[in-house]
């Protein structure tokens, strides 16, 4: 039982198996990598489109369009290549 609301926990990463984290990158990391390498700005929507195209898991989108026939911009081939390059860099594909 702890009397305080703050608890300090120390642990070492030396003995942990980090293999499960390989191939994981946040959308922000992918965006930053693409911007740094190519100078292109890509959106989370474009990254999700390319993940779907590769058959990778994509999280559920909670910001759904209000109308059923809402148009969605499509990723350009140039940005698709840059995102694929980022996926390879992070070991996602």
Protein backbone atom coordinates (compact mmCIF):
# COMPACT_ATOMS: atom_id res chain seq x y z
CA UNK A 1 0.00 0.00 0.00
CA UNK A 2 1.32 3.43 -0.94
CA UNK A 3 0.49 6.61 0.97
CA UNK A 4 1.59 8.97 -1.79
CA UNK A 5 0.16 9.55 -5.27
CA UNK A 6 3.66 9.42 -6.74
CA UNK A 7 5.58 6.19 -7.04
CA UNK A 8 9.13 5.97 -8.33
CA UNK A 9 9.98 2.85 -10.34
CA UNK A 10 13.45 1.99 -11.62
CA UNK A 11 14.08 -0.72 -14.19
CA UNK A 12 16.78 -1.66 -16.64
CA UNK A 13 16.31 -2.24 -20.36
CA UNK A 14 19.35 -4.55 -20.50
CA UNK A 15 17.42 -7.74 -19.86
CA UNK A 16 14.37 -6.83 -21.94
CA UNK A 17 13.72 -8.36 -25.34
CA UNK A 18 13.31 -5.33 -27.61
CA UNK A 19 12.70 -7.38 -30.77
CA UNK A 20 8.96 -6.74 -30.58
CA UNK A 21 9.57 -2.99 -30.92
CA UNK A 22 11.48 -3.39 -34.18
CA UNK A 23 9.45 -2.20 -37.12
CA UNK A 24 7.44 0.24 -35.05
CA UNK A 25 7.48 3.95 -35.74
CA UNK A 26 5.00 6.65 -34.92
CA UNK A 27 3.34 8.69 -37.62
CA UNK A 28 5.27 11.72 -36.31
CA UNK A 29 8.59 9.86 -36.71
CA UNK A 30 7.65 8.89 -40.27
CA UNK A 31 6.61 12.48 -41.09
CA UNK A 32 9.89 13.85 -39.68
CA UNK A 33 11.98 11.30 -41.60
CA UNK A 34 10.21 12.04 -44.90
CA UNK A 35 10.60 15.80 -44.38
CA UNK A 36 14.29 15.44 -43.51
CA UNK A 37 15.13 13.10 -46.41
CA UNK A 38 12.97 14.52 -49.20
CA UNK A 39 11.70 17.91 -48.04
CA UNK A 40 8.11 16.71 -48.56
CA UNK A 41 5.41 17.14 -45.96
CA UNK A 42 3.12 14.13 -45.68
CA UNK A 43 -0.08 13.81 -43.68
CA UNK A 44 -1.21 11.04 -41.37
CA UNK A 45 -3.91 10.29 -43.94
CA UNK A 46 -1.29 9.58 -46.61
CA UNK A 47 0.71 7.36 -44.26
CA UNK A 48 -2.46 5.40 -43.39
CA UNK A 49 -3.32 5.02 -47.09
CA UNK A 50 0.11 3.56 -47.85
CA UNK A 51 -0.06 1.26 -44.79
CA UNK A 52 -3.39 -0.08 -46.06
CA UNK A 53 -1.92 -0.50 -49.53
CA UNK A 54 0.90 -2.61 -48.02
CA UNK A 55 -1.58 -4.66 -46.00
CA UNK A 56 -0.35 -3.32 -42.66
CA UNK A 57 -2.54 -2.72 -39.62
CA UNK A 58 -4.00 0.76 -39.39
CA UNK A 59 -5.63 2.14 -36.25
CA UNK A 60 -9.27 3.07 -36.30
CA UNK A 61 -9.96 6.66 -37.35
CA UNK A 62 -12.07 8.51 -34.81
CA UNK A 63 -12.31 11.68 -36.95
CA UNK A 64 -14.78 10.33 -39.46
CA UNK A 65 -16.36 12.49 -42.15
CA UNK A 66 -19.84 13.77 -41.38
CA UNK A 67 -21.21 13.05 -44.85
CA UNK A 68 -21.09 9.69 -46.57
CA UNK A 69 -19.79 10.97 -49.92
CA UNK A 70 -16.93 13.08 -48.51
CA UNK A 71 -13.95 13.26 -50.84
CA UNK A 72 -10.61 12.14 -49.52
CA UNK A 73 -7.35 13.39 -51.07
CA UNK A 74 -5.15 10.63 -52.47
CA UNK A 75 -1.40 10.35 -51.93
CA UNK A 76 0.74 11.38 -54.89
CA UNK A 77 3.23 8.84 -56.30
CA UNK A 78 6.15 11.05 -55.20
CA UNK A 79 4.94 11.10 -51.59
CA UNK A 80 4.09 7.40 -51.73
CA UNK A 81 7.71 6.62 -52.68
CA UNK A 82 8.98 8.80 -49.82
CA UNK A 83 6.69 7.07 -47.30
CA UNK A 84 7.75 3.64 -48.58
CA UNK A 85 11.39 4.70 -48.13
CA UNK A 86 10.57 5.67 -44.50
CA UNK A 87 8.85 2.31 -43.95
CA UNK A 88 11.99 0.52 -45.14
CA UNK A 89 14.19 2.76 -42.95
CA UNK A 90 12.16 1.95 -39.82
CA UNK A 91 11.92 -1.77 -40.69
CA UNK A 92 8.16 -1.69 -41.11
CA UNK A 93 8.37 -3.47 -44.45
